[in-house]
């Protein structure tokens, strides 16, 4: 499994932006079967930064309703990666 298969996409929300600004933590959606050491190696390979810690969370699906139709959101695995002091990852370009 390549590094791009492990790191699916970054999570860009208000909460993740605050974590990145205040605590130097970056949040990603990762593959379901990826463990912490594989995530750490993938971050190191893609961004050339050695993470300090990696915390993972299995996000369970939630029930959602649109009119009379009910459904579920997707389940995914989330990784919160703590970066070393002074380093950062640019997730999106600001205009």
PDB file of N, CA and C in Angstrom:
ATOM      1  N   UNK A   1       0.853  -1.187   0.000  1.00  0.00           N
ATOM      2  CA  UNK A   1       0.000   0.000   0.000  1.00  0.00           C
ATOM      3  C   UNK A   1       0.889   1.237   0.000  1.00  0.00           C
ATOM      4  N   UNK A   2       0.641   2.144  -0.937  1.00  0.00           N
ATOM      5  CA  UNK A   2       1.471   3.341  -1.051  1.00  0.00           C
ATOM      6  C   UNK A   2       1.020   4.410  -0.056  1.00  0.00           C
ATOM      7  N   UNK A   3       1.830   5.433   0.072  1.00  0.00           N
ATOM      8  CA  UNK A   3       1.525   6.514   1.010  1.00  0.00           C
ATOM      9  C   UNK A   3       0.265   7.258   0.603  1.00  0.00           C
ATOM     10  N   UNK A   4       0.034   7.398  -0.700  1.00  0.00           N
ATOM     11  CA  UNK A   4      -1.173   8.086  -1.193  1.00  0.00           C
ATOM     12  C   UNK A   4      -2.430   7.263  -0.957  1.00  0.00           C
ATOM     13  N   UNK A   5      -2.298   5.946  -0.832  1.00  0.00           N
ATOM     14  CA  UNK A   5      -3.448   5.098  -0.502  1.00  0.00           C
ATOM     15  C   UNK A   5      -3.796   5.212   0.979  1.00  0.00           C
ATOM     16  N   UNK A   6      -2.809   5.445   1.818  1.00  0.00           N
ATOM     17  CA  UNK A   6      -3.044   5.549   3.269  1.00  0.00           C
ATOM     18  C   UNK A   6      -3.666   6.894   3.605  1.00  0.00           C
ATOM     19  N   UNK A   7      -3.089   7.994   3.113  1.00  0.00           N
ATOM     20  CA  UNK A   7      -3.616   9.334   3.358  1.00  0.00           C
ATOM     21  C   UNK A   7      -4.626   9.640   2.252  1.00  0.00           C
ATOM     22  N   UNK A   8      -5.921   9.623   2.580  1.00  0.00           N
ATOM     23  CA  UNK A   8      -6.964   9.810   1.570  1.00  0.00           C
ATOM     24  C   UNK A   8      -7.112  11.287   1.225  1.00  0.00           C
ATOM     25  N   UNK A   9      -7.379  12.134   2.244  1.00  0.00           N
ATOM     26  CA  UNK A   9      -7.539  13.568   2.011  1.00  0.00           C
ATOM     27  C   UNK A   9      -7.441  14.307   3.333  1.00  0.00           C
ATOM     28  N   UNK A  10      -7.114  15.594   3.289  1.00  0.00           N
ATOM     29  CA  UNK A  10      -7.105  16.383   4.536  1.00  0.00           C
ATOM     30  C   UNK A  10      -8.529  16.788   4.915  1.00  0.00           C
ATOM     31  N   UNK A  11      -8.745  17.016   6.188  1.00  0.00           N
ATOM     32  CA  UNK A  11     -10.027  17.511   6.681  1.00  0.00           C
ATOM     33  C   UNK A  11      -9.850  19.005   6.933  1.00  0.00           C
ATOM     34  N   UNK A  12     -10.628  19.830   6.214  1.00  0.00           N
ATOM     35  CA  UNK A  12     -10.536  21.281   6.355  1.00  0.00           C
ATOM     36  C   UNK A  12     -11.866  21.778   6.905  1.00  0.00           C
ATOM     37  N   UNK A  13     -11.915  21.960   8.229  1.00  0.00           N
ATOM     38  CA  UNK A  13     -13.091  22.492   8.913  1.00  0.00           C
ATOM     39  C   UNK A  13     -12.623  23.596   9.856  1.00  0.00           C
ATOM     40  N   UNK A  14     -13.565  24.275  10.486  1.00  0.00           N
ATOM     41  CA  UNK A  14     -13.191  25.313  11.450  1.00  0.00           C
ATOM     42  C   UNK A  14     -12.377  24.735  12.592  1.00  0.00           C
ATOM     43  N   UNK A  15     -12.812  23.584  13.097  1.00  0.00           N
ATOM     44  CA  UNK A  15     -12.134  22.961  14.227  1.00  0.00           C
ATOM     45  C   UNK A  15     -10.716  22.524  13.842  1.00  0.00           C
ATOM     46  N   UNK A  16     -10.559  21.924  12.659  1.00  0.00           N
ATOM     47  CA  UNK A  16      -9.231  21.484  12.246  1.00  0.00           C
ATOM     48  C   UNK A  16      -8.310  22.677  11.954  1.00  0.00           C
ATOM     49  N   UNK A  17      -8.878  23.782  11.439  1.00  0.00           N
ATOM     50  CA  UNK A  17      -8.070  24.984  11.218  1.00  0.00           C
ATOM     51  C   UNK A  17      -7.591  25.583  12.530  1.00  0.00           C
ATOM     52  N   UNK A  18      -8.433  25.570  13.563  1.00  0.00           N
ATOM     53  CA  UNK A  18      -8.014  26.056  14.887  1.00  0.00           C
ATOM     54  C   UNK A  18      -6.918  25.169  15.466  1.00  0.00           C
ATOM     55  N   UNK A  19      -7.059  23.843  15.315  1.00  0.00           N
ATOM     56  CA  UNK A  19      -6.030  22.919  15.796  1.00  0.00           C
ATOM     57  C   UNK A  19      -4.700  23.170  15.096  1.00  0.00           C
ATOM     58  N   UNK A  20      -4.762  23.437  13.797  1.00  0.00           N
ATOM     59  CA  UNK A  20      -3.540  23.676  13.046  1.00  0.00           C
ATOM     60  C   UNK A  20      -2.887  24.990  13.466  1.00  0.00           C
ATOM     61  N   UNK A  21      -3.692  26.014  13.698  1.00  0.00           N
ATOM     62  CA  UNK A  21      -3.140  27.322  14.056  1.00  0.00           C
ATOM     63  C   UNK A  21      -2.606  27.347  15.486  1.00  0.00           C
ATOM     64  N   UNK A  22      -3.345  26.762  16.428  1.00  0.00           N
ATOM     65  CA  UNK A  22      -2.994  26.883  17.845  1.00  0.00           C
ATOM     66  C   UNK A  22      -2.064  25.783  18.346  1.00  0.00           C
ATOM     67  N   UNK A  23      -2.276  24.535  17.904  1.00  0.00           N
ATOM     68  CA  UNK A  23      -1.536  23.405  18.477  1.00  0.00           C
ATOM     69  C   UNK A  23      -0.646  22.688  17.476  1.00  0.00           C
ATOM     70  N   UNK A  24      -0.554  23.194  16.239  1.00  0.00           N
ATOM     71  CA  UNK A  24       0.281  22.602  15.196  1.00  0.00           C
ATOM     72  C   UNK A  24      -0.104  21.150  14.919  1.00  0.00           C
ATOM     73  N   UNK A  25      -1.428  20.895  14.820  1.00  0.00           N
ATOM     74  CA  UNK A  25      -1.939  19.562  14.518  1.00  0.00           C
ATOM     75  C   UNK A  25      -2.706  19.620  13.199  1.00  0.00           C
ATOM     76  N   UNK A  26      -2.534  18.585  12.374  1.00  0.00           N
ATOM     77  CA  UNK A  26      -3.185  18.512  11.068  1.00  0.00           C
ATOM     78  C   UNK A  26      -4.052  17.257  11.055  1.00  0.00           C
ATOM     79  N   UNK A  27      -5.246  17.355  10.436  1.00  0.00           N
ATOM     80  CA  UNK A  27      -6.209  16.264  10.444  1.00  0.00           C
ATOM     81  C   UNK A  27      -6.390  15.708   9.033  1.00  0.00           C
ATOM     82  N   UNK A  28      -6.411  14.366   8.930  1.00  0.00           N
ATOM     83  CA  UNK A  28      -6.560  13.693   7.650  1.00  0.00           C
ATOM     84  C   UNK A  28      -7.592  12.578   7.750  1.00  0.00           C
ATOM     85  N   UNK A  29      -8.246  12.276   6.611  1.00  0.00           N
ATOM     86  CA  UNK A  29      -9.018  11.039   6.475  1.00  0.00           C
ATOM     87  C   UNK A  29      -8.017  10.006   5.984  1.00  0.00           C
ATOM     88  N   UNK A  30      -7.967   8.851   6.649  1.00  0.00           N
ATOM     89  CA  UNK A  30      -6.995   7.816   6.294  1.00  0.00           C
ATOM     90  C   UNK A  30      -7.719   6.518   5.959  1.00  0.00           C
ATOM     91  N   UNK A  31      -6.997   5.574   5.409  1.00  0.00           N
ATOM     92  CA  UNK A  31      -7.560   4.271   5.070  1.00  0.00           C
ATOM     93  C   UNK A  31      -7.994   3.552   6.336  1.00  0.00           C
ATOM     94  N   UNK A  32      -9.076   2.766   6.233  1.00  0.00           N
ATOM     95  CA  UNK A  32      -9.648   2.072   7.398  1.00  0.00           C
ATOM     96  C   UNK A  32      -8.661   1.118   8.052  1.00  0.00           C
ATOM     97  N   UNK A  33      -7.825   0.457   7.242  1.00  0.00           N
ATOM     98  CA  UNK A  33      -6.923  -0.558   7.789  1.00  0.00           C
ATOM     99  C   UNK A  33      -5.533  -0.014   8.121  1.00  0.00           C
ATOM    100  N   UNK A  34      -5.330   1.298   8.053  1.00  0.00           N
ATOM    101  CA  UNK A  34      -4.024   1.901   8.339  1.00  0.00           C
ATOM    102  C   UNK A  34      -3.816   2.012   9.846  1.00  0.00           C
ATOM    103  N   UNK A  35      -2.613   1.668  10.300  1.00  0.00           N
ATOM    104  CA  UNK A  35      -2.291   1.840  11.715  1.00  0.00           C
ATOM    105  C   UNK A  35      -1.443   3.099  11.900  1.00  0.00           C
ATOM    106  N   UNK A  36      -1.146   3.431  13.148  1.00  0.00           N
ATOM    107  CA  UNK A  36      -0.463   4.692  13.448  1.00  0.00           C
ATOM    108  C   UNK A  36       0.932   4.762  12.836  1.00  0.00           C
ATOM    109  N   UNK A  37       1.669   3.666  12.875  1.00  0.00           N
ATOM    110  CA  UNK A  37       3.027   3.695  12.324  1.00  0.00           C
ATOM    111  C   UNK A  37       2.995   3.840  10.797  1.00  0.00           C
ATOM    112  N   UNK A  38       2.019   3.230  10.131  1.00  0.00           N
ATOM    113  CA  UNK A  38       1.898   3.374   8.675  1.00  0.00           C
ATOM    114  C   UNK A  38       1.518   4.808   8.311  1.00  0.00           C
ATOM    115  N   UNK A  39       0.647   5.428   9.110  1.00  0.00           N
ATOM    116  CA  UNK A  39       0.246   6.819   8.874  1.00  0.00           C
ATOM    117  C   UNK A  39       1.455   7.740   9.061  1.00  0.00           C
ATOM    118  N   UNK A  40       2.248   7.477  10.098  1.00  0.00           N
ATOM    119  CA  UNK A  40       3.437   8.275  10.377  1.00  0.00           C
ATOM    120  C   UNK A  40       4.436   8.191   9.221  1.00  0.00           C
ATOM    121  N   UNK A  41       4.651   6.993   8.682  1.00  0.00           N
ATOM    122  CA  UNK A  41       5.567   6.808   7.554  1.00  0.00           C
ATOM    123  C   UNK A  41       5.037   7.493   6.293  1.00  0.00           C
ATOM    124  N   UNK A  42       3.711   7.438   6.079  1.00  0.00           N
ATOM    125  CA  UNK A  42       3.119   8.061   4.897  1.00  0.00           C
ATOM    126  C   UNK A  42       3.259   9.581   4.950  1.00  0.00           C
ATOM    127  N   UNK A  43       3.040  10.186   6.118  1.00  0.00           N
ATOM    128  CA  UNK A  43       3.212  11.637   6.279  1.00  0.00           C
ATOM    129  C   UNK A  43       4.665  12.019   6.024  1.00  0.00           C
ATOM    130  N   UNK A  44       5.569  11.200   6.542  1.00  0.00           N
ATOM    131  CA  UNK A  44       6.996  11.465   6.356  1.00  0.00           C
ATOM    132  C   UNK A  44       7.379  11.375   4.875  1.00  0.00           C
ATOM    133  N   UNK A  45       6.795  10.414   4.158  1.00  0.00           N
ATOM    134  CA  UNK A  45       7.112  10.219   2.743  1.00  0.00           C
ATOM    135  C   UNK A  45       6.527  11.327   1.866  1.00  0.00           C
ATOM    136  N   UNK A  46       5.273  11.736   2.144  1.00  0.00           N
ATOM    137  CA  UNK A  46       4.597  12.719   1.298  1.00  0.00           C
ATOM    138  C   UNK A  46       5.091  14.136   1.572  1.00  0.00           C
ATOM    139  N   UNK A  47       5.164  14.528   2.855  1.00  0.00           N
ATOM    140  CA  UNK A  47       5.454  15.918   3.215  1.00  0.00           C
ATOM    141  C   UNK A  47       6.880  16.157   3.715  1.00  0.00           C
ATOM    142  N   UNK A  48       7.689  15.116   3.856  1.00  0.00           N
ATOM    143  CA  UNK A  48       9.072  15.215   4.347  1.00  0.00           C
ATOM    144  C   UNK A  48       9.145  15.852   5.728  1.00  0.00           C
ATOM    145  N   UNK A  49       8.170  15.529   6.583  1.00  0.00           N
ATOM    146  CA  UNK A  49       8.144  15.998   7.972  1.00  0.00           C
ATOM    147  C   UNK A  49       7.912  14.780   8.857  1.00  0.00           C
ATOM    148  N   UNK A  50       8.726  14.631   9.895  1.00  0.00           N
ATOM    149  CA  UNK A  50       8.549  13.509  10.812  1.00  0.00           C
ATOM    150  C   UNK A  50       7.578  13.925  11.910  1.00  0.00           C
ATOM    151  N   UNK A  51       6.364  13.314  11.972  1.00  0.00           N
ATOM    152  CA  UNK A  51       5.382  13.687  12.985  1.00  0.00           C
ATOM    153  C   UNK A  51       5.836  13.302  14.397  1.00  0.00           C
ATOM    154  N   UNK A  52       5.387  14.096  15.371  1.00  0.00           N
ATOM    155  CA  UNK A  52       5.691  13.801  16.769  1.00  0.00           C
ATOM    156  C   UNK A  52       4.775  12.677  17.247  1.00  0.00           C
ATOM    157  N   UNK A  53       3.457  12.840  17.063  1.00  0.00           N
ATOM    158  CA  UNK A  53       2.494  11.806  17.451  1.00  0.00           C
ATOM    159  C   UNK A  53       1.405  11.697  16.389  1.00  0.00           C
ATOM    160  N   UNK A  54       0.730  10.548  16.396  1.00  0.00           N
ATOM    161  CA  UNK A  54      -0.418  10.310  15.526  1.00  0.00           C
ATOM    162  C   UNK A  54      -1.529   9.718  16.391  1.00  0.00           C
ATOM    163  N   UNK A  55      -2.681  10.391  16.406  1.00  0.00           N
ATOM    164  CA  UNK A  55      -3.854   9.876  17.116  1.00  0.00           C
ATOM    165  C   UNK A  55      -4.925   9.538  16.086  1.00  0.00           C
ATOM    166  N   UNK A  56      -5.603   8.403  16.268  1.00  0.00           N
ATOM    167  CA  UNK A  56      -6.623   7.980  15.303  1.00  0.00           C
ATOM    168  C   UNK A  56      -7.977   7.831  15.975  1.00  0.00           C
ATOM    169  N   UNK A  57      -9.036   8.060  15.173  1.00  0.00           N
ATOM    170  CA  UNK A  57     -10.418   7.947  15.645  1.00  0.00           C
ATOM    171  C   UNK A  57     -11.228   7.286  14.540  1.00  0.00           C
ATOM    172  N   UNK A  58     -12.029   6.264  14.883  1.00  0.00           N
ATOM    173  CA  UNK A  58     -12.983   5.705  13.939  1.00  0.00           C
ATOM    174  C   UNK A  58     -14.269   6.507  14.068  1.00  0.00           C
ATOM    175  N   UNK A  59     -14.633   7.230  13.010  1.00  0.00           N
ATOM    176  CA  UNK A  59     -15.826   8.067  13.016  1.00  0.00           C
ATOM    177  C   UNK A  59     -16.989   7.212  12.533  1.00  0.00           C
ATOM    178  N   UNK A  60     -17.990   7.046  13.382  1.00  0.00           N
ATOM    179  CA  UNK A  60     -19.135   6.212  13.065  1.00  0.00           C
ATOM    180  C   UNK A  60     -20.137   6.983  12.210  1.00  0.00           C
ATOM    181  N   UNK A  61     -20.945   6.257  11.410  1.00  0.00           N
ATOM    182  CA  UNK A  61     -21.950   6.943  10.589  1.00  0.00           C
ATOM    183  C   UNK A  61     -23.063   7.532  11.439  1.00  0.00           C
ATOM    184  N   UNK A  62     -23.651   8.623  10.952  1.00  0.00           N
ATOM    185  CA  UNK A  62     -24.759   9.276  11.646  1.00  0.00           C
ATOM    186  C   UNK A  62     -25.993   9.216  10.766  1.00  0.00           C
ATOM    187  N   UNK A  63     -27.154   9.159  11.392  1.00  0.00           N
ATOM    188  CA  UNK A  63     -28.394   9.189  10.637  1.00  0.00           C
ATOM    189  C   UNK A  63     -28.672  10.616  10.176  1.00  0.00           C
ATOM    190  N   UNK A  64     -29.024  10.755   8.916  1.00  0.00           N
ATOM    191  CA  UNK A  64     -29.394  12.046   8.346  1.00  0.00           C
ATOM    192  C   UNK A  64     -30.728  11.889   7.642  1.00  0.00           C
ATOM    193  N   UNK A  65     -31.457  12.987   7.548  1.00  0.00           N
ATOM    194  CA  UNK A  65     -32.767  12.939   6.936  1.00  0.00           C
ATOM    195  C   UNK A  65     -32.941  14.122   6.001  1.00  0.00           C
ATOM    196  N   UNK A  66     -33.429  13.854   4.793  1.00  0.00           N
ATOM    197  CA  UNK A  66     -33.745  14.892   3.826  1.00  0.00           C
ATOM    198  C   UNK A  66     -35.207  14.677   3.445  1.00  0.00           C
ATOM    199  N   UNK A  67     -36.082  15.521   3.990  1.00  0.00           N
ATOM    200  CA  UNK A  67     -37.521  15.334   3.763  1.00  0.00           C
ATOM    201  C   UNK A  67     -37.992  14.046   4.391  1.00  0.00           C
ATOM    202  N   UNK A  68     -38.605  13.208   3.594  1.00  0.00           N
ATOM    203  CA  UNK A  68     -39.086  11.930   4.141  1.00  0.00           C
ATOM    204  C   UNK A  68     -38.084  10.803   3.964  1.00  0.00           C
ATOM    205  N   UNK A  69     -36.945  11.085   3.360  1.00  0.00           N
ATOM    206  CA  UNK A  69     -35.947  10.064   3.101  1.00  0.00           C
ATOM    207  C   UNK A  69     -34.883  10.077   4.196  1.00  0.00           C
ATOM    208  N   UNK A  70     -34.553   8.909   4.706  1.00  0.00           N
ATOM    209  CA  UNK A  70     -33.513   8.798   5.733  1.00  0.00           C
ATOM    210  C   UNK A  70     -32.321   8.049   5.144  1.00  0.00           C
ATOM    211  N   UNK A  71     -31.171   8.328   5.693  1.00  0.00           N
ATOM    212  CA  UNK A  71     -29.954   7.671   5.236  1.00  0.00           C
ATOM    213  C   UNK A  71     -28.877   7.800   6.293  1.00  0.00           C
ATOM    214  N   UNK A  72     -27.690   7.392   5.939  1.00  0.00           N
ATOM    215  CA  UNK A  72     -26.566   7.430   6.865  1.00  0.00           C
ATOM    216  C   UNK A  72     -25.385   8.122   6.177  1.00  0.00           C
ATOM    217  N   UNK A  73     -24.588   8.832   6.973  1.00  0.00           N
ATOM    218  CA  UNK A  73     -23.349   9.387   6.453  1.00  0.00           C
ATOM    219  C   UNK A  73     -22.308   8.271   6.381  1.00  0.00           C
ATOM    220  N   UNK A  74     -21.220   8.518   5.722  1.00  0.00           N
ATOM    221  CA  UNK A  74     -20.173   7.505   5.568  1.00  0.00           C
ATOM    222  C   UNK A  74     -19.349   7.387   6.850  1.00  0.00           C
ATOM    223  N   UNK A  75     -18.919   6.176   7.153  1.00  0.00           N
ATOM    224  CA  UNK A  75     -17.985   5.950   8.250  1.00  0.00           C
ATOM    225  C   UNK A  75     -16.570   6.096   7.686  1.00  0.00           C
ATOM    226  N   UNK A  76     -15.655   6.651   8.489  1.00  0.00           N
ATOM    227  CA  UNK A  76     -14.274   6.806   8.040  1.00  0.00           C
ATOM    228  C   UNK A  76     -13.353   6.820   9.243  1.00  0.00           C
ATOM    229  N   UNK A  77     -12.061   6.735   8.967  1.00  0.00           N
ATOM    230  CA  UNK A  77     -11.051   6.798  10.014  1.00  0.00           C
ATOM    231  C   UNK A  77     -10.332   8.130   9.899  1.00  0.00           C
ATOM    232  N   UNK A  78     -10.180   8.806  11.016  1.00  0.00           N
ATOM    233  CA  UNK A  78      -9.576  10.133  11.055  1.00  0.00           C
ATOM    234  C   UNK A  78      -8.269  10.055  11.835  1.00  0.00           C
ATOM    235  N   UNK A  79      -7.243  10.744  11.333  1.00  0.00           N
ATOM    236  CA  UNK A  79      -5.957  10.804  12.014  1.00  0.00           C
ATOM    237  C   UNK A  79      -5.620  12.258  12.316  1.00  0.00           C
ATOM    238  N   UNK A  80      -5.275  12.528  13.579  1.00  0.00           N
ATOM    239  CA  UNK A  80      -4.816  13.857  13.995  1.00  0.00           C
ATOM    240  C   UNK A  80      -3.312  13.742  14.220  1.00  0.00           C
ATOM    241  N   UNK A  81      -2.545  14.439  13.377  1.00  0.00           N
ATOM    242  CA  UNK A  81      -1.090  14.325  13.370  1.00  0.00           C
ATOM    243  C   UNK A  81      -0.495  15.572  14.007  1.00  0.00           C
ATOM    244  N   UNK A  82       0.313  15.386  15.054  1.00  0.00           N
ATOM    245  CA  UNK A  82       1.013  16.495  15.697  1.00  0.00           C
ATOM    246  C   UNK A  82       2.366  16.668  15.025  1.00  0.00           C
ATOM    247  N   UNK A  83       2.604  17.879  14.529  1.00  0.00           N
ATOM    248  CA  UNK A  83       3.858  18.175  13.833  1.00  0.00           C
ATOM    249  C   UNK A  83       4.883  18.759  14.794  1.00  0.00           C
ATOM    250  N   UNK A  84       6.182  18.622  14.476  1.00  0.00           N
ATOM    251  CA  UNK A  84       7.199  19.214  15.348  1.00  0.00           C
ATOM    252  C   UNK A  84       7.138  20.741  15.330  1.00  0.00           C
ATOM    253  N   UNK A  85       7.706  21.337  16.359  1.00  0.00           N
ATOM    254  CA  UNK A  85       7.709  22.797  16.508  1.00  0.00           C
ATOM    255  C   UNK A  85       8.404  23.448  15.327  1.00  0.00           C
ATOM    256  N   UNK A  86       7.749  24.457  14.740  1.00  0.00           N
ATOM    257  CA  UNK A  86       8.352  25.209  13.653  1.00  0.00           C
ATOM    258  C   UNK A  86       8.060  24.681  12.255  1.00  0.00           C
ATOM    259  N   UNK A  87       7.413  23.516  12.135  1.00  0.00           N
ATOM    260  CA  UNK A  87       7.092  22.990  10.811  1.00  0.00           C
ATOM    261  C   UNK A  87       5.582  23.058  10.584  1.00  0.00           C
ATOM    262  N   UNK A  88       5.193  23.113   9.310  1.00  0.00           N
ATOM    263  CA  UNK A  88       3.771  23.177   8.999  1.00  0.00           C
ATOM    264  C   UNK A  88       3.525  22.537   7.638  1.00  0.00           C
ATOM    265  N   UNK A  89       2.257  22.201   7.376  1.00  0.00           N
ATOM    266  CA  UNK A  89       1.836  21.618   6.103  1.00  0.00           C
ATOM    267  C   UNK A  89       0.814  22.557   5.491  1.00  0.00           C
ATOM    268  N   UNK A  90       1.040  22.942   4.244  1.00  0.00           N
ATOM    269  CA  UNK A  90       0.088  23.812   3.527  1.00  0.00           C
ATOM    270  C   UNK A  90      -0.941  22.917   2.858  1.00  0.00           C
ATOM    271  N   UNK A  91      -2.190  22.926   3.379  1.00  0.00           N
ATOM    272  CA  UNK A  91      -3.240  22.050   2.866  1.00  0.00           C
ATOM    273  C   UNK A  91      -3.974  22.652   1.692  1.00  0.00           C
ATOM    274  N   UNK A  92      -4.103  23.959   1.658  1.00  0.00           N
ATOM    275  CA  UNK A  92      -4.815  24.620   0.558  1.00  0.00           C
ATOM    276  C   UNK A  92      -4.162  25.980   0.320  1.00  0.00           C
ATOM    277  N   UNK A  93      -4.334  26.464  -0.892  1.00  0.00           N
ATOM    278  CA  UNK A  93      -3.722  27.745  -1.252  1.00  0.00           C
ATOM    279  C   UNK A  93      -4.695  28.872  -0.982  1.00  0.00           C
ATOM    280  N   UNK A  94      -4.193  29.911  -0.313  1.00  0.00           N
ATOM    281  CA  UNK A  94      -5.013  31.098  -0.036  1.00  0.00           C
ATOM    282  C   UNK A  94      -4.771  32.118  -1.139  1.00  0.00           C
ATOM    283  N   UNK A  95      -5.824  32.780  -1.593  1.00  0.00           N
ATOM    284  CA  UNK A  95      -5.695  33.776  -2.654  1.00  0.00           C
ATOM    285  C   UNK A  95      -5.403  35.148  -2.114  1.00  0.00           C
TER     286      UNK A  95
END
